[in-house]
């Protein structure tokens, strides 16, 4: 088996970082991953660097030095009236390993631990509704367009 094949599907190393805790390499790699997924792959021209990263906690899943999974977290009042999870990403070549499910578990746990909150609000791309439902989120409200992509509001309450 090739070295690359041996590294597929392994458990990721998870970090929860404040913006100022990023290394320059981590920040560069993260911005590259977000642009690859949200701008190039989804063919959506928008400004990813929205000025909110400095207020967020960042959940990163690493395979060695490669960022394979990512989400950013906000305390209530920073983005929505409840805590929130956004910019949820798994690198395209890593999606077959269900890292998105582990990413959501780590993100939900980080919100509970860091912010002491159980209620989480997200703005989900509509095609991912079942994925988020599998983590306890329920649709609230009607479908809307965000950057010309169908989205729905979802809430998780414990």
N, C-alpha and C. Protein backbone atom coordinates (compact mmCIF):
# COMPACT_ATOMS: atom_id res chain seq x y z
N UNK A 1 0.85 -1.17 0.00
CA UNK A 1 0.00 0.00 0.00
C UNK A 1 0.89 1.23 0.00
N UNK A 2 0.53 2.24 -0.77
CA UNK A 2 1.31 3.46 -0.83
C UNK A 2 1.20 4.22 0.48
N UNK A 3 2.20 5.09 0.72
CA UNK A 3 2.16 5.92 1.92
C UNK A 3 0.89 6.76 1.95
N UNK A 4 0.50 7.30 0.81
CA UNK A 4 -0.72 8.10 0.73
C UNK A 4 -1.93 7.25 1.11
N UNK A 5 -2.01 6.04 0.63
CA UNK A 5 -3.13 5.16 0.94
C UNK A 5 -3.21 4.83 2.42
N UNK A 6 -2.04 4.73 3.09
CA UNK A 6 -2.04 4.44 4.52
C UNK A 6 -2.59 5.60 5.34
N UNK A 7 -2.48 6.81 4.83
CA UNK A 7 -2.93 7.99 5.57
C UNK A 7 -4.40 8.28 5.37
N UNK A 8 -5.06 7.62 4.47
CA UNK A 8 -6.47 7.90 4.20
C UNK A 8 -7.34 7.35 5.31
N UNK A 9 -8.32 8.15 5.71
CA UNK A 9 -9.31 7.68 6.66
C UNK A 9 -8.84 7.61 8.09
N UNK A 10 -7.65 8.11 8.40
CA UNK A 10 -7.18 8.07 9.78
C UNK A 10 -7.89 9.15 10.60
N UNK A 11 -7.83 8.99 11.91
CA UNK A 11 -8.38 10.02 12.79
C UNK A 11 -7.59 11.30 12.62
N UNK A 12 -8.29 12.40 12.58
CA UNK A 12 -7.63 13.69 12.46
C UNK A 12 -7.22 14.19 13.84
N UNK A 13 -6.21 15.05 13.85
CA UNK A 13 -5.85 15.76 15.07
C UNK A 13 -6.68 17.04 15.08
N UNK A 14 -7.40 17.29 16.16
CA UNK A 14 -8.31 18.44 16.24
C UNK A 14 -7.72 19.54 17.10
N UNK A 15 -7.83 20.77 16.62
CA UNK A 15 -7.42 21.95 17.37
C UNK A 15 -8.57 22.95 17.36
N UNK A 16 -8.75 23.64 18.48
CA UNK A 16 -9.68 24.76 18.56
C UNK A 16 -8.83 25.98 18.90
N UNK A 17 -8.78 26.93 17.97
CA UNK A 17 -7.87 28.07 18.10
C UNK A 17 -8.60 29.40 18.03
N UNK A 18 -8.07 30.38 18.75
CA UNK A 18 -8.45 31.76 18.53
C UNK A 18 -7.65 32.24 17.32
N UNK A 19 -8.10 33.32 16.70
CA UNK A 19 -7.45 33.84 15.50
C UNK A 19 -5.96 34.09 15.74
N UNK A 20 -5.63 34.72 16.86
CA UNK A 20 -4.24 35.08 17.13
C UNK A 20 -3.35 33.88 17.43
N UNK A 21 -3.94 32.70 17.59
CA UNK A 21 -3.15 31.49 17.85
C UNK A 21 -2.71 30.76 16.57
N UNK A 22 -3.22 31.17 15.41
CA UNK A 22 -2.80 30.55 14.16
C UNK A 22 -1.33 30.82 13.88
N UNK A 23 -0.64 29.82 13.31
CA UNK A 23 0.66 30.10 12.70
C UNK A 23 0.37 30.72 11.33
N UNK A 24 1.35 31.36 10.75
CA UNK A 24 1.16 31.93 9.41
C UNK A 24 0.84 30.83 8.41
N UNK A 25 1.51 29.69 8.49
CA UNK A 25 1.25 28.59 7.56
C UNK A 25 -0.18 28.07 7.72
N UNK A 26 -0.65 27.90 8.97
CA UNK A 26 -2.02 27.43 9.19
C UNK A 26 -3.03 28.42 8.61
N UNK A 27 -2.81 29.70 8.84
CA UNK A 27 -3.73 30.72 8.33
C UNK A 27 -3.76 30.72 6.82
N UNK A 28 -2.59 30.65 6.19
CA UNK A 28 -2.52 30.63 4.73
C UNK A 28 -3.24 29.39 4.19
N UNK A 29 -2.95 28.22 4.76
CA UNK A 29 -3.57 26.98 4.29
C UNK A 29 -5.08 27.00 4.48
N UNK A 30 -5.54 27.58 5.59
CA UNK A 30 -6.97 27.68 5.84
C UNK A 30 -7.64 28.58 4.81
N UNK A 31 -7.07 29.75 4.55
CA UNK A 31 -7.65 30.67 3.56
C UNK A 31 -7.67 30.03 2.18
N UNK A 32 -6.64 29.26 1.87
CA UNK A 32 -6.60 28.56 0.58
C UNK A 32 -7.71 27.52 0.50
N UNK A 33 -7.92 26.75 1.58
CA UNK A 33 -8.98 25.73 1.60
C UNK A 33 -10.35 26.39 1.49
N UNK A 34 -10.59 27.45 2.24
CA UNK A 34 -11.88 28.12 2.17
C UNK A 34 -12.14 28.67 0.77
N UNK A 35 -11.14 29.25 0.15
CA UNK A 35 -11.32 29.76 -1.22
C UNK A 35 -11.55 28.63 -2.20
N UNK A 36 -10.82 27.52 -2.03
CA UNK A 36 -10.99 26.38 -2.93
C UNK A 36 -12.42 25.86 -2.90
N UNK A 37 -12.98 25.73 -1.71
CA UNK A 37 -14.34 25.17 -1.57
C UNK A 37 -15.41 26.20 -1.88
N UNK A 38 -15.38 27.32 -1.19
CA UNK A 38 -16.50 28.27 -1.27
C UNK A 38 -16.49 29.15 -2.52
N UNK A 39 -15.31 29.43 -3.07
CA UNK A 39 -15.24 30.29 -4.26
C UNK A 39 -15.11 29.46 -5.53
N UNK A 40 -14.09 28.59 -5.59
CA UNK A 40 -13.82 27.84 -6.82
C UNK A 40 -14.81 26.69 -7.00
N UNK A 41 -14.87 25.76 -6.05
CA UNK A 41 -15.72 24.57 -6.18
C UNK A 41 -17.19 24.94 -6.31
N UNK A 42 -17.64 25.88 -5.49
CA UNK A 42 -19.06 26.25 -5.53
C UNK A 42 -19.34 27.37 -6.53
N UNK A 43 -18.32 27.79 -7.26
CA UNK A 43 -18.46 28.81 -8.30
C UNK A 43 -19.25 30.02 -7.78
N UNK A 44 -18.76 30.55 -6.66
CA UNK A 44 -19.45 31.65 -5.98
C UNK A 44 -18.45 32.76 -5.68
N UNK A 45 -18.64 33.88 -6.36
CA UNK A 45 -17.75 35.01 -6.14
C UNK A 45 -18.27 35.80 -4.94
N UNK A 46 -17.52 35.77 -3.85
CA UNK A 46 -17.87 36.53 -2.66
C UNK A 46 -16.60 36.75 -1.86
N UNK A 47 -16.63 37.70 -0.93
CA UNK A 47 -15.47 38.00 -0.10
C UNK A 47 -15.51 37.12 1.14
N UNK A 48 -14.68 36.09 1.16
CA UNK A 48 -14.62 35.15 2.28
C UNK A 48 -14.07 35.83 3.53
N UNK A 49 -13.10 36.70 3.37
CA UNK A 49 -12.52 37.40 4.52
C UNK A 49 -13.47 38.54 4.89
N UNK A 50 -14.44 38.21 5.74
CA UNK A 50 -15.56 39.10 6.04
C UNK A 50 -15.37 39.92 7.31
N UNK A 51 -14.18 39.90 7.88
CA UNK A 51 -13.91 40.67 9.09
C UNK A 51 -14.36 40.00 10.38
N UNK A 52 -14.91 38.79 10.30
CA UNK A 52 -15.43 38.11 11.48
C UNK A 52 -14.48 37.06 12.06
N UNK A 53 -13.44 36.71 11.31
CA UNK A 53 -12.54 35.65 11.77
C UNK A 53 -11.86 35.99 13.09
N UNK A 54 -11.58 37.27 13.33
CA UNK A 54 -10.89 37.67 14.57
C UNK A 54 -11.78 37.48 15.80
N UNK A 55 -13.10 37.41 15.62
CA UNK A 55 -14.03 37.21 16.73
C UNK A 55 -14.35 35.74 16.98
N UNK A 56 -13.99 34.89 16.05
CA UNK A 56 -14.41 33.48 16.07
C UNK A 56 -13.40 32.58 16.76
N UNK A 57 -13.89 31.41 17.16
CA UNK A 57 -13.03 30.27 17.47
C UNK A 57 -13.00 29.43 16.20
N UNK A 58 -11.87 28.80 15.95
CA UNK A 58 -11.68 28.05 14.71
C UNK A 58 -11.38 26.59 15.05
N UNK A 59 -12.16 25.69 14.49
CA UNK A 59 -11.98 24.25 14.68
C UNK A 59 -11.30 23.71 13.44
N UNK A 60 -10.15 23.08 13.63
CA UNK A 60 -9.37 22.56 12.51
C UNK A 60 -9.07 21.09 12.72
N UNK A 61 -9.27 20.29 11.68
CA UNK A 61 -8.91 18.88 11.69
C UNK A 61 -7.71 18.68 10.79
N UNK A 62 -6.61 18.21 11.37
CA UNK A 62 -5.36 18.05 10.65
C UNK A 62 -5.05 16.58 10.38
N UNK A 63 -4.52 16.32 9.21
CA UNK A 63 -3.89 15.04 8.86
C UNK A 63 -2.43 15.42 8.58
N UNK A 64 -1.58 15.20 9.57
CA UNK A 64 -0.22 15.73 9.47
C UNK A 64 -0.30 17.25 9.54
N UNK A 65 0.22 17.92 8.52
CA UNK A 65 0.13 19.39 8.48
C UNK A 65 -1.00 19.87 7.58
N UNK A 66 -1.71 18.95 6.93
CA UNK A 66 -2.79 19.32 6.02
C UNK A 66 -4.09 19.56 6.79
N UNK A 67 -4.71 20.71 6.55
CA UNK A 67 -6.03 20.98 7.12
C UNK A 67 -7.06 20.26 6.25
N UNK A 68 -7.75 19.28 6.83
CA UNK A 68 -8.75 18.49 6.11
C UNK A 68 -10.17 18.91 6.42
N UNK A 69 -10.38 19.51 7.59
CA UNK A 69 -11.73 19.89 8.02
C UNK A 69 -11.63 21.18 8.81
N UNK A 70 -12.70 21.98 8.73
CA UNK A 70 -12.68 23.29 9.38
C UNK A 70 -14.10 23.80 9.63
N UNK A 71 -14.25 24.54 10.72
CA UNK A 71 -15.48 25.29 11.00
C UNK A 71 -15.10 26.47 11.88
N UNK A 72 -15.90 27.52 11.81
CA UNK A 72 -15.68 28.62 12.74
C UNK A 72 -16.90 28.79 13.62
N UNK A 73 -16.64 29.16 14.88
CA UNK A 73 -17.66 29.21 15.91
C UNK A 73 -17.77 30.62 16.48
N UNK A 74 -19.00 31.01 16.80
CA UNK A 74 -19.24 32.32 17.40
C UNK A 74 -20.07 32.18 18.66
N UNK A 75 -19.74 33.01 19.64
CA UNK A 75 -20.55 33.13 20.85
C UNK A 75 -21.85 33.84 20.48
N UNK A 76 -22.86 33.69 21.31
CA UNK A 76 -24.13 34.37 21.03
C UNK A 76 -23.91 35.88 20.99
N UNK A 77 -24.58 36.51 20.05
CA UNK A 77 -24.46 37.94 19.88
C UNK A 77 -23.34 38.39 18.97
N UNK A 78 -22.41 37.51 18.66
CA UNK A 78 -21.31 37.86 17.75
C UNK A 78 -21.71 37.76 16.29
N UNK A 79 -22.64 36.85 15.98
CA UNK A 79 -23.07 36.64 14.60
C UNK A 79 -24.59 36.56 14.54
N UNK A 80 -25.15 35.68 15.36
CA UNK A 80 -26.59 35.52 15.53
C UNK A 80 -26.93 35.79 17.00
N UNK A 81 -28.21 35.69 17.33
CA UNK A 81 -28.64 35.85 18.72
C UNK A 81 -28.32 34.61 19.56
N UNK A 82 -27.90 33.53 18.92
CA UNK A 82 -27.46 32.31 19.59
C UNK A 82 -26.04 32.01 19.14
N UNK A 83 -25.37 31.10 19.80
CA UNK A 83 -24.07 30.64 19.32
C UNK A 83 -24.24 30.08 17.92
N UNK A 84 -23.17 30.08 17.13
CA UNK A 84 -23.31 29.59 15.77
C UNK A 84 -22.05 28.89 15.28
N UNK A 85 -22.28 28.07 14.27
CA UNK A 85 -21.22 27.35 13.56
C UNK A 85 -21.35 27.73 12.10
N UNK A 86 -20.24 28.06 11.47
CA UNK A 86 -20.28 28.41 10.05
C UNK A 86 -19.00 28.01 9.35
N UNK A 87 -18.97 28.29 8.04
CA UNK A 87 -17.82 27.98 7.19
C UNK A 87 -17.39 26.53 7.36
N UNK A 88 -18.35 25.63 7.44
CA UNK A 88 -18.08 24.20 7.64
C UNK A 88 -17.52 23.62 6.34
N UNK A 89 -16.33 23.04 6.44
CA UNK A 89 -15.62 22.54 5.24
C UNK A 89 -14.96 21.21 5.55
N UNK A 90 -15.01 20.32 4.58
CA UNK A 90 -14.11 19.17 4.51
C UNK A 90 -13.49 19.23 3.12
N UNK A 91 -12.18 19.11 3.05
CA UNK A 91 -11.49 19.14 1.77
C UNK A 91 -12.08 18.09 0.83
N UNK A 92 -12.22 18.45 -0.42
CA UNK A 92 -12.89 17.58 -1.39
C UNK A 92 -12.32 16.17 -1.42
N UNK A 93 -11.01 16.04 -1.36
CA UNK A 93 -10.38 14.71 -1.45
C UNK A 93 -10.44 13.93 -0.13
N UNK A 94 -11.09 14.48 0.88
CA UNK A 94 -11.20 13.83 2.19
C UNK A 94 -12.65 13.52 2.58
N UNK A 95 -13.60 13.84 1.74
CA UNK A 95 -15.01 13.74 2.12
C UNK A 95 -15.51 12.31 2.29
N UNK A 96 -14.87 11.34 1.68
CA UNK A 96 -15.34 9.95 1.78
C UNK A 96 -15.11 9.36 3.16
N UNK A 97 -14.43 10.07 4.07
CA UNK A 97 -14.09 9.51 5.38
C UNK A 97 -14.98 10.01 6.51
N UNK A 98 -16.06 10.69 6.18
CA UNK A 98 -17.05 11.17 7.17
C UNK A 98 -16.44 12.13 8.19
N UNK A 99 -15.41 12.86 7.79
CA UNK A 99 -14.81 13.84 8.70
C UNK A 99 -15.80 14.95 9.05
N UNK A 100 -16.77 15.22 8.20
CA UNK A 100 -17.75 16.25 8.48
C UNK A 100 -18.54 15.95 9.74
N UNK A 101 -18.86 14.68 9.97
CA UNK A 101 -19.61 14.30 11.17
C UNK A 101 -18.77 14.52 12.42
N UNK A 102 -17.50 14.14 12.37
CA UNK A 102 -16.61 14.37 13.51
C UNK A 102 -16.41 15.87 13.72
N UNK A 103 -16.27 16.63 12.64
CA UNK A 103 -16.12 18.09 12.73
C UNK A 103 -17.31 18.70 13.47
N UNK A 104 -18.52 18.26 13.15
CA UNK A 104 -19.70 18.81 13.82
C UNK A 104 -19.71 18.44 15.30
N UNK A 105 -19.33 17.22 15.63
CA UNK A 105 -19.29 16.81 17.04
C UNK A 105 -18.27 17.64 17.81
N UNK A 106 -17.09 17.83 17.24
CA UNK A 106 -16.06 18.63 17.89
C UNK A 106 -16.53 20.08 18.04
N UNK A 107 -17.18 20.61 17.01
CA UNK A 107 -17.66 22.00 17.04
C UNK A 107 -18.76 22.20 18.08
N UNK A 108 -19.71 21.29 18.13
CA UNK A 108 -20.79 21.37 19.12
C UNK A 108 -20.22 21.27 20.53
N UNK A 109 -19.29 20.34 20.75
CA UNK A 109 -18.65 20.21 22.06
C UNK A 109 -17.87 21.46 22.43
N UNK A 110 -17.19 22.07 21.46
CA UNK A 110 -16.42 23.29 21.73
C UNK A 110 -17.34 24.44 22.14
N UNK A 111 -18.48 24.56 21.49
CA UNK A 111 -19.44 25.59 21.87
C UNK A 111 -19.94 25.35 23.30
N UNK A 112 -20.26 24.11 23.62
CA UNK A 112 -20.72 23.78 24.98
C UNK A 112 -19.63 24.12 26.01
N UNK A 113 -18.38 23.75 25.72
CA UNK A 113 -17.28 23.95 26.66
C UNK A 113 -16.82 25.41 26.74
N UNK A 114 -16.64 26.06 25.61
CA UNK A 114 -16.06 27.41 25.59
C UNK A 114 -17.08 28.49 25.92
N UNK A 115 -18.32 28.30 25.47
CA UNK A 115 -19.33 29.33 25.66
C UNK A 115 -20.41 28.95 26.66
N UNK A 116 -20.42 27.68 27.08
CA UNK A 116 -21.42 27.24 28.05
C UNK A 116 -22.84 27.28 27.52
N UNK A 117 -23.01 27.09 26.23
CA UNK A 117 -24.33 27.19 25.59
C UNK A 117 -24.70 25.87 24.91
N UNK A 118 -26.01 25.61 24.86
CA UNK A 118 -26.53 24.43 24.17
C UNK A 118 -27.26 24.79 22.88
N UNK A 119 -27.79 26.01 22.79
CA UNK A 119 -28.53 26.43 21.61
C UNK A 119 -27.55 26.93 20.55
N UNK A 120 -27.65 26.37 19.35
CA UNK A 120 -26.75 26.72 18.25
C UNK A 120 -27.59 27.00 17.01
N UNK A 121 -27.29 28.09 16.34
CA UNK A 121 -28.00 28.48 15.12
C UNK A 121 -27.02 28.44 13.96
N UNK A 122 -27.48 27.93 12.82
CA UNK A 122 -26.65 27.91 11.62
C UNK A 122 -27.44 28.39 10.41
N UNK A 123 -26.70 28.86 9.43
CA UNK A 123 -27.25 29.17 8.11
C UNK A 123 -26.69 28.09 7.19
N UNK A 124 -27.51 27.09 6.90
CA UNK A 124 -27.05 25.88 6.21
C UNK A 124 -27.38 25.90 4.73
N UNK A 125 -26.44 25.44 3.92
CA UNK A 125 -26.78 25.23 2.52
C UNK A 125 -27.86 24.15 2.48
N UNK A 126 -28.91 24.42 1.72
CA UNK A 126 -30.10 23.57 1.73
C UNK A 126 -29.79 22.10 1.44
N UNK A 127 -28.87 21.84 0.54
CA UNK A 127 -28.59 20.44 0.17
C UNK A 127 -27.98 19.65 1.33
N UNK A 128 -27.54 20.33 2.39
CA UNK A 128 -26.95 19.66 3.54
C UNK A 128 -27.94 19.50 4.71
N UNK A 129 -29.21 19.73 4.45
CA UNK A 129 -30.22 19.67 5.50
C UNK A 129 -30.18 18.35 6.27
N UNK A 130 -30.17 17.22 5.59
CA UNK A 130 -30.17 15.91 6.26
C UNK A 130 -28.90 15.71 7.10
N UNK A 131 -27.77 16.19 6.59
CA UNK A 131 -26.51 16.10 7.34
C UNK A 131 -26.66 16.82 8.67
N UNK A 132 -27.15 18.05 8.65
CA UNK A 132 -27.30 18.82 9.89
C UNK A 132 -28.40 18.24 10.78
N UNK A 133 -29.45 17.72 10.19
CA UNK A 133 -30.50 17.06 11.00
C UNK A 133 -29.92 15.88 11.77
N UNK A 134 -28.96 15.18 11.18
CA UNK A 134 -28.35 14.04 11.86
C UNK A 134 -27.56 14.47 13.10
N UNK A 135 -27.32 15.78 13.25
CA UNK A 135 -26.63 16.32 14.42
C UNK A 135 -27.58 17.11 15.33
N UNK A 136 -28.88 16.92 15.11
CA UNK A 136 -29.87 17.51 16.01
C UNK A 136 -30.40 18.87 15.60
N UNK A 137 -30.04 19.36 14.43
CA UNK A 137 -30.53 20.67 13.96
C UNK A 137 -31.91 20.50 13.31
N UNK A 138 -32.76 21.52 13.48
CA UNK A 138 -34.10 21.53 12.93
C UNK A 138 -34.26 22.82 12.12
N UNK A 139 -34.87 22.68 10.94
CA UNK A 139 -35.08 23.86 10.10
C UNK A 139 -36.03 24.83 10.78
N UNK A 140 -35.68 26.11 10.71
CA UNK A 140 -36.53 27.19 11.21
C UNK A 140 -36.66 28.22 10.10
N UNK A 141 -37.85 28.44 9.62
CA UNK A 141 -38.07 29.44 8.59
C UNK A 141 -37.98 28.89 7.19
N UNK A 142 -38.14 29.79 6.26
CA UNK A 142 -38.18 29.45 4.85
C UNK A 142 -36.78 29.48 4.22
N UNK A 143 -36.68 28.86 3.07
CA UNK A 143 -35.45 28.88 2.28
C UNK A 143 -35.17 30.32 1.83
N UNK A 144 -33.88 30.67 1.74
CA UNK A 144 -33.47 31.98 1.24
C UNK A 144 -32.17 31.82 0.46
N UNK A 145 -31.83 32.82 -0.31
CA UNK A 145 -30.58 32.82 -1.06
C UNK A 145 -29.52 33.60 -0.30
N UNK A 146 -28.35 33.00 -0.20
CA UNK A 146 -27.19 33.68 0.35
C UNK A 146 -26.08 33.47 -0.67
N UNK A 147 -25.58 34.55 -1.25
CA UNK A 147 -24.58 34.47 -2.32
C UNK A 147 -25.07 33.58 -3.46
N UNK A 148 -26.36 33.68 -3.77
CA UNK A 148 -27.02 32.92 -4.85
C UNK A 148 -27.04 31.42 -4.62
N UNK A 149 -26.88 30.97 -3.37
CA UNK A 149 -26.94 29.56 -3.02
C UNK A 149 -28.11 29.38 -2.06
N UNK A 150 -29.03 28.42 -2.32
CA UNK A 150 -30.15 28.19 -1.40
C UNK A 150 -29.68 27.78 -0.01
N UNK A 151 -30.18 28.49 1.00
CA UNK A 151 -29.86 28.24 2.40
C UNK A 151 -31.13 28.11 3.22
N UNK A 152 -30.99 27.51 4.40
CA UNK A 152 -32.07 27.46 5.38
C UNK A 152 -31.48 27.75 6.77
N UNK A 153 -32.26 28.41 7.60
CA UNK A 153 -31.87 28.59 8.99
C UNK A 153 -32.17 27.31 9.75
N UNK A 154 -31.27 26.93 10.63
CA UNK A 154 -31.46 25.72 11.44
C UNK A 154 -31.03 26.01 12.87
N UNK A 155 -31.70 25.35 13.82
CA UNK A 155 -31.41 25.52 15.25
C UNK A 155 -31.22 24.15 15.90
N UNK A 156 -30.27 24.08 16.80
CA UNK A 156 -30.10 22.89 17.65
C UNK A 156 -30.27 23.37 19.09
N UNK A 157 -31.22 22.75 19.78
CA UNK A 157 -31.46 23.08 21.19
C UNK A 157 -31.41 21.81 22.01
N UNK A 158 -30.84 21.90 23.20
CA UNK A 158 -30.79 20.73 24.08
C UNK A 158 -31.71 20.91 25.25
